[in-house]
Amino acid sequence: MDNRVQNLAALSGLTNLTYVDLRYNLVDWFGPGPALTVIQTLQGRGVNVDYNPQSAGAIFLVAPERLTGTRFRLRSTARPARF
């Protein structure tokens, strides 16, 4: 928990796991992808996996763009959870 884990591939080979706590890390488990595949594989073997919530990714605010008068457009970019 909270140790900045990003890649779960090594967990697949740990056949004696019964529980793993992945909360507050940097695991990108949204949608199909390698992390979700590992989580589902572990769960399929009966491993209890806690993986939600994750640490928030960094959000960067890009310089505002003035539209008219007091109206601005703010653009932001975010680093995905898989830093």
C-alpha atoms as a PDB file:
ATOM      1  CA  MET A   1       0.000   0.000   0.000  1.00  0.00           C
ATOM      2  CA  ASP A   2       1.224   3.480  -0.944  1.00  0.00           C
ATOM      3  CA  ASN A   3       4.580   2.484  -2.384  1.00  0.00           C
ATOM      4  CA  ARG A   4       4.200   3.875  -5.943  1.00  0.00           C
ATOM      5  CA  VAL A   5       3.767   0.492  -7.657  1.00  0.00           C
ATOM      6  CA  GLN A   6       3.011   0.834 -11.370  1.00  0.00           C
ATOM      7  CA  ASN A   7       3.731  -2.545 -12.943  1.00  0.00           C
ATOM      8  CA  LEU A   8       2.027  -5.651 -11.560  1.00  0.00           C
ATOM      9  CA  ALA A   9       3.617  -8.236 -13.866  1.00  0.00           C
ATOM     10  CA  ALA A  10       5.834  -9.716 -11.129  1.00  0.00           C
ATOM     11  CA  LEU A  11       2.785 -10.576  -9.033  1.00  0.00           C
ATOM     12  CA  SER A  12       1.550 -13.079 -11.618  1.00  0.00           C
ATOM     13  CA  GLY A  13       4.359 -15.470 -10.757  1.00  0.00           C
ATOM     14  CA  LEU A  14       3.716 -15.445  -7.006  1.00  0.00           C
ATOM     15  CA  THR A  15       1.596 -18.579  -6.760  1.00  0.00           C
ATOM     16  CA  ASN A  16       1.267 -18.644  -2.954  1.00  0.00           C
ATOM     17  CA  LEU A  17      -0.302 -15.192  -2.621  1.00  0.00           C
ATOM     18  CA  THR A  18      -3.557 -15.022  -0.703  1.00  0.00           C
ATOM     19  CA  TYR A  19      -3.838 -11.240  -0.324  1.00  0.00           C
ATOM     20  CA  VAL A  20      -2.258  -8.188  -1.935  1.00  0.00           C
ATOM     21  CA  ASP A  21      -2.926  -4.537  -1.072  1.00  0.00           C
ATOM     22  CA  LEU A  22      -2.360  -2.270  -4.075  1.00  0.00           C
ATOM     23  CA  ARG A  23      -4.317   0.737  -2.816  1.00  0.00           C
ATOM     24  CA  TYR A  24      -2.815   4.231  -3.068  1.00  0.00           C
ATOM     25  CA  ASN A  25      -0.266   3.308  -5.713  1.00  0.00           C
ATOM     26  CA  LEU A  26       0.043   4.325  -9.355  1.00  0.00           C
ATOM     27  CA  VAL A  27      -1.702   1.333 -10.928  1.00  0.00           C
ATOM     28  CA  ASP A  28      -3.700   2.111 -14.070  1.00  0.00           C
ATOM     29  CA  TRP A  29      -6.499  -0.437 -13.770  1.00  0.00           C
ATOM     30  CA  PHE A  30      -9.156   1.464 -15.748  1.00  0.00           C
ATOM     31  CA  GLY A  31     -10.263  -0.327 -18.871  1.00  0.00           C
ATOM     32  CA  PRO A  32      -8.555  -3.267 -20.485  1.00  0.00           C
ATOM     33  CA  GLY A  33      -4.828  -3.322 -19.930  1.00  0.00           C
ATOM     34  CA  PRO A  34      -1.965  -5.212 -18.331  1.00  0.00           C
ATOM     35  CA  ALA A  35      -2.695  -4.163 -14.740  1.00  0.00           C
ATOM     36  CA  LEU A  36      -6.348  -5.192 -14.893  1.00  0.00           C
ATOM     37  CA  THR A  37      -5.343  -8.487 -16.500  1.00  0.00           C
ATOM     38  CA  VAL A  38      -2.979  -9.253 -13.608  1.00  0.00           C
ATOM     39  CA  ILE A  39      -5.618  -8.243 -11.040  1.00  0.00           C
ATOM     40  CA  GLN A  40      -8.219 -10.485 -12.683  1.00  0.00           C
ATOM     41  CA  THR A  41      -5.730 -13.373 -12.947  1.00  0.00           C
ATOM     42  CA  LEU A  42      -4.925 -13.093  -9.251  1.00  0.00           C
ATOM     43  CA  GLN A  43      -8.591 -12.895  -8.324  1.00  0.00           C
ATOM     44  CA  GLY A  44      -9.245 -15.934 -10.507  1.00  0.00           C
ATOM     45  CA  ARG A  45      -6.731 -17.861  -8.381  1.00  0.00           C
ATOM     46  CA  GLY A  46      -8.587 -16.830  -5.236  1.00  0.00           C
ATOM     47  CA  VAL A  47      -6.256 -13.996  -4.207  1.00  0.00           C
ATOM     48  CA  ASN A  48      -7.975 -11.123  -2.396  1.00  0.00           C
ATOM     49  CA  VAL A  49      -6.815  -7.948  -4.173  1.00  0.00           C
ATOM     50  CA  ASP A  50      -7.463  -4.447  -2.817  1.00  0.00           C
ATOM     51  CA  TYR A  51      -6.700  -1.961  -5.620  1.00  0.00           C
ATOM     52  CA  ASN A  52      -9.110   0.936  -5.238  1.00  0.00           C
ATOM     53  CA  PRO A  53      -8.488   3.844  -4.673  1.00  0.00           C
ATOM     54  CA  GLN A  54      -5.216   4.749  -6.371  1.00  0.00           C
ATOM     55  CA  SER A  55      -3.091   7.847  -5.844  1.00  0.00           C
ATOM     56  CA  ALA A  56      -4.106  10.752  -8.044  1.00  0.00           C
ATOM     57  CA  GLY A  57      -2.007  11.511 -11.080  1.00  0.00           C
ATOM     58  CA  ALA A  58      -0.398  14.887 -11.427  1.00  0.00           C
ATOM     59  CA  ILE A  59      -2.536  17.545 -13.096  1.00  0.00           C
ATOM     60  CA  PHE A  60      -0.866  20.472 -14.826  1.00  0.00           C
ATOM     61  CA  LEU A  61      -2.681  23.701 -15.620  1.00  0.00           C
ATOM     62  CA  VAL A  62      -1.613  25.233 -18.912  1.00  0.00           C
ATOM     63  CA  ALA A  63      -1.558  29.035 -19.329  1.00  0.00           C
ATOM     64  CA  PRO A  64      -5.081  30.484 -19.552  1.00  0.00           C
ATOM     65  CA  GLU A  65      -6.353  31.788 -22.859  1.00  0.00           C
ATOM     66  CA  ARG A  66      -8.431  34.987 -22.742  1.00  0.00           C
ATOM     67  CA  LEU A  67     -11.611  34.608 -24.761  1.00  0.00           C
ATOM     68  CA  THR A  68     -13.443  37.899 -24.165  1.00  0.00           C
ATOM     69  CA  GLY A  69     -13.610  40.331 -21.260  1.00  0.00           C
ATOM     70  CA  THR A  70     -13.521  38.212 -18.133  1.00  0.00           C
ATOM     71  CA  ARG A  71     -13.917  34.874 -19.921  1.00  0.00           C
ATOM     72  CA  PHE A  72     -10.942  32.544 -20.057  1.00  0.00           C
ATOM     73  CA  ARG A  73     -10.309  29.047 -21.293  1.00  0.00           C
ATOM     74  CA  LEU A  74      -8.217  26.918 -18.968  1.00  0.00           C
ATOM     75  CA  ARG A  75      -6.583  23.842 -20.396  1.00  0.00           C
ATOM     76  CA  SER A  76      -5.154  21.142 -18.259  1.00  0.00           C
ATOM     77  CA  THR A  77      -3.150  18.046 -18.887  1.00  0.00           C
ATOM     78  CA  ALA A  78      -2.746  15.106 -16.585  1.00  0.00           C
ATOM     79  CA  ARG A  79      -0.138  12.459 -16.262  1.00  0.00           C
ATOM     80  CA  PRO A  80      -1.865   9.091 -16.394  1.00  0.00           C
ATOM     81  CA  ALA A  81      -1.779   6.791 -13.392  1.00  0.00           C
ATOM     82  CA  ARG A  82       0.883   4.683 -15.053  1.00  0.00           C
ATOM     83  CA  PHE A  83       3.599   7.390 -14.658  1.00  0.00           C
END
